[in-house]
Amino acid sequence: MNKNSFQETILKLVLIILFYSLFTPIGLIMSLFKVDLLDRRINKYKNSYWRIKQKNSFSKSDAKGV
């Protein structure tokens, strides 16, 4: 096993450990407190799930320097 493949293996292991030690507790806590960041719950009292989009007016001067 050469030095480069050993470093890649260690890097992958560190990233896997970091990922699961960070996101698993966050997911479990959010499940415990029933946090729904994507607003996926179905509310039978709502008439519609459409959201009104706010219109922004832009002028040519807003695009200067872009």
N, C-alpha and C. Protein backbone atom coordinates (compact mmCIF):
# COMPACT_ATOMS: atom_id res chain seq x y z
N MET A 1 0.86 -1.18 0.00
CA MET A 1 0.00 0.00 0.00
C MET A 1 0.90 1.24 0.00
N ASN A 2 0.72 2.06 -1.00
CA ASN A 2 1.57 3.24 -1.04
C ASN A 2 1.00 4.35 -0.16
N LYS A 3 1.78 5.41 -0.03
CA LYS A 3 1.44 6.50 0.88
C LYS A 3 0.16 7.21 0.46
N ASN A 4 -0.06 7.39 -0.85
CA ASN A 4 -1.21 8.13 -1.35
C ASN A 4 -2.53 7.40 -1.06
N SER A 5 -2.56 6.08 -1.27
CA SER A 5 -3.79 5.33 -1.01
C SER A 5 -4.07 5.26 0.49
N PHE A 6 -3.01 5.22 1.30
CA PHE A 6 -3.21 5.21 2.75
C PHE A 6 -3.83 6.53 3.20
N GLN A 7 -3.35 7.64 2.66
CA GLN A 7 -3.91 8.95 3.01
C GLN A 7 -5.36 9.07 2.56
N GLU A 8 -5.67 8.55 1.38
CA GLU A 8 -7.06 8.58 0.91
C GLU A 8 -7.97 7.77 1.81
N THR A 9 -7.49 6.62 2.27
CA THR A 9 -8.29 5.77 3.16
C THR A 9 -8.55 6.47 4.49
N ILE A 10 -7.52 7.06 5.05
CA ILE A 10 -7.67 7.78 6.32
C ILE A 10 -8.61 8.96 6.15
N LEU A 11 -8.48 9.68 5.04
CA LEU A 11 -9.34 10.82 4.77
C LEU A 11 -10.81 10.39 4.68
N LYS A 12 -11.07 9.30 3.97
CA LYS A 12 -12.45 8.81 3.85
C LYS A 12 -13.01 8.41 5.21
N LEU A 13 -12.20 7.74 6.02
CA LEU A 13 -12.66 7.35 7.35
C LEU A 13 -12.97 8.56 8.22
N VAL A 14 -12.11 9.56 8.17
CA VAL A 14 -12.34 10.78 8.96
C VAL A 14 -13.61 11.48 8.50
N LEU A 15 -13.82 11.57 7.18
CA LEU A 15 -15.03 12.22 6.67
C LEU A 15 -16.29 11.45 7.03
N ILE A 16 -16.24 10.12 6.99
CA ILE A 16 -17.40 9.30 7.36
C ILE A 16 -17.72 9.51 8.84
N ILE A 17 -16.71 9.48 9.69
CA ILE A 17 -16.92 9.68 11.12
C ILE A 17 -17.46 11.08 11.40
N LEU A 18 -16.90 12.07 10.74
CA LEU A 18 -17.37 13.45 10.91
C LEU A 18 -18.81 13.61 10.46
N PHE A 19 -19.16 13.03 9.31
CA PHE A 19 -20.51 13.14 8.78
C PHE A 19 -21.52 12.52 9.74
N TYR A 20 -21.28 11.27 10.15
CA TYR A 20 -22.25 10.60 11.01
C TYR A 20 -22.28 11.16 12.42
N SER A 21 -21.16 11.68 12.91
CA SER A 21 -21.18 12.25 14.25
C SER A 21 -21.84 13.63 14.26
N LEU A 22 -21.96 14.26 13.10
CA LEU A 22 -22.59 15.58 13.02
C LEU A 22 -24.07 15.48 12.66
N PHE A 23 -24.39 14.77 11.59
CA PHE A 23 -25.76 14.78 11.07
C PHE A 23 -26.70 13.79 11.76
N THR A 24 -26.20 12.70 12.28
CA THR A 24 -27.08 11.74 12.97
C THR A 24 -27.69 12.35 14.23
N PRO A 25 -26.92 12.98 15.11
CA PRO A 25 -27.55 13.60 16.29
C PRO A 25 -28.52 14.71 15.93
N ILE A 26 -28.19 15.50 14.91
CA ILE A 26 -29.10 16.57 14.48
C ILE A 26 -30.42 15.97 14.00
N GLY A 27 -30.34 14.93 13.20
CA GLY A 27 -31.56 14.27 12.71
C GLY A 27 -32.38 13.66 13.83
N LEU A 28 -31.71 13.04 14.79
CA LEU A 28 -32.43 12.43 15.90
C LEU A 28 -33.11 13.49 16.78
N ILE A 29 -32.43 14.58 17.03
CA ILE A 29 -33.02 15.66 17.83
C ILE A 29 -34.20 16.28 17.10
N MET A 30 -34.07 16.48 15.79
CA MET A 30 -35.18 17.05 15.03
C MET A 30 -36.36 16.09 15.00
N SER A 31 -36.11 14.80 14.92
CA SER A 31 -37.21 13.82 14.97
C SER A 31 -37.86 13.81 16.34
N LEU A 32 -37.06 13.94 17.37
CA LEU A 32 -37.58 13.92 18.74
C LEU A 32 -38.51 15.09 18.99
N PHE A 33 -38.14 16.27 18.50
CA PHE A 33 -38.95 17.47 18.70
C PHE A 33 -39.94 17.72 17.55
N LYS A 34 -40.01 16.78 16.62
CA LYS A 34 -40.93 16.84 15.48
C LYS A 34 -40.79 18.13 14.68
N VAL A 35 -39.55 18.49 14.39
CA VAL A 35 -39.26 19.66 13.58
C VAL A 35 -39.36 19.26 12.11
N ASP A 36 -40.13 20.02 11.35
CA ASP A 36 -40.33 19.73 9.93
C ASP A 36 -39.90 20.95 9.12
N LEU A 37 -38.61 21.02 8.79
CA LEU A 37 -38.08 22.19 8.11
C LEU A 37 -38.60 22.33 6.68
N LEU A 38 -38.99 21.23 6.06
CA LEU A 38 -39.48 21.28 4.69
C LEU A 38 -40.99 21.48 4.61
N ASP A 39 -41.65 21.58 5.75
CA ASP A 39 -43.10 21.79 5.81
C ASP A 39 -43.84 20.72 5.01
N ARG A 40 -43.56 19.46 5.33
CA ARG A 40 -44.14 18.34 4.60
C ARG A 40 -45.44 17.82 5.20
N ARG A 41 -45.80 18.32 6.36
CA ARG A 41 -47.02 17.82 7.00
C ARG A 41 -48.25 18.25 6.21
N ILE A 42 -49.22 17.38 6.17
CA ILE A 42 -50.48 17.69 5.50
C ILE A 42 -51.44 18.27 6.53
N ASN A 43 -51.93 19.46 6.23
CA ASN A 43 -52.88 20.13 7.11
C ASN A 43 -54.24 20.07 6.42
N LYS A 44 -55.15 19.30 6.99
CA LYS A 44 -56.46 19.14 6.34
C LYS A 44 -57.34 20.37 6.47
N TYR A 45 -56.92 21.35 7.26
CA TYR A 45 -57.70 22.57 7.40
C TYR A 45 -57.27 23.66 6.41
N LYS A 46 -56.17 23.44 5.69
CA LYS A 46 -55.72 24.42 4.70
C LYS A 46 -56.47 24.21 3.40
N ASN A 47 -56.83 25.30 2.75
CA ASN A 47 -57.49 25.19 1.46
C ASN A 47 -56.48 24.93 0.35
N SER A 48 -55.30 25.51 0.49
CA SER A 48 -54.30 25.39 -0.56
C SER A 48 -52.91 25.50 0.05
N TYR A 49 -51.95 24.89 -0.61
CA TYR A 49 -50.57 24.98 -0.17
C TYR A 49 -49.77 25.97 -1.02
N TRP A 50 -50.40 26.62 -1.95
CA TRP A 50 -49.73 27.60 -2.79
C TRP A 50 -49.31 28.79 -1.94
N ARG A 51 -48.14 29.30 -2.23
CA ARG A 51 -47.66 30.50 -1.55
C ARG A 51 -47.58 31.62 -2.57
N ILE A 52 -48.04 32.79 -2.16
CA ILE A 52 -48.04 33.94 -3.06
C ILE A 52 -46.62 34.48 -3.15
N LYS A 53 -46.15 34.60 -4.37
CA LYS A 53 -44.80 35.09 -4.61
C LYS A 53 -44.81 36.62 -4.61
N GLN A 54 -43.89 37.19 -3.87
CA GLN A 54 -43.81 38.64 -3.84
C GLN A 54 -43.09 39.12 -5.09
N LYS A 55 -43.67 40.14 -5.71
CA LYS A 55 -43.07 40.67 -6.92
C LYS A 55 -42.05 41.73 -6.55
N ASN A 56 -40.88 41.61 -7.15
CA ASN A 56 -39.82 42.59 -6.95
C ASN A 56 -39.67 43.38 -8.25
N SER A 57 -39.63 44.67 -8.12
CA SER A 57 -39.43 45.48 -9.34
C SER A 57 -37.95 45.84 -9.43
N PHE A 58 -37.43 45.66 -10.62
CA PHE A 58 -36.03 45.96 -10.88
C PHE A 58 -35.94 46.99 -11.97
N SER A 59 -34.90 47.77 -11.91
CA SER A 59 -34.65 48.76 -12.94
C SER A 59 -33.28 48.51 -13.54
N LYS A 60 -32.97 49.23 -14.59
CA LYS A 60 -31.66 49.06 -15.23
C LYS A 60 -30.53 49.46 -14.30
N SER A 61 -30.80 50.42 -13.44
CA SER A 61 -29.74 50.87 -12.52
C SER A 61 -29.38 49.81 -11.49
N ASP A 62 -30.30 48.88 -11.21
CA ASP A 62 -30.01 47.79 -10.27
C ASP A 62 -28.99 46.83 -10.86
N ALA A 63 -28.92 46.73 -12.17
CA ALA A 63 -28.05 45.77 -12.83
C ALA A 63 -26.68 46.33 -13.16
N LYS A 64 -26.44 47.58 -12.87
CA LYS A 64 -25.13 48.18 -13.17
C LYS A 64 -24.07 47.57 -12.28
N GLY A 65 -22.94 47.29 -12.88
CA GLY A 65 -21.82 46.74 -12.13
C GLY A 65 -21.90 45.23 -11.96
N VAL A 66 -22.83 44.60 -12.62
CA VAL A 66 -22.96 43.15 -12.51
C VAL A 66 -22.20 42.49 -13.61
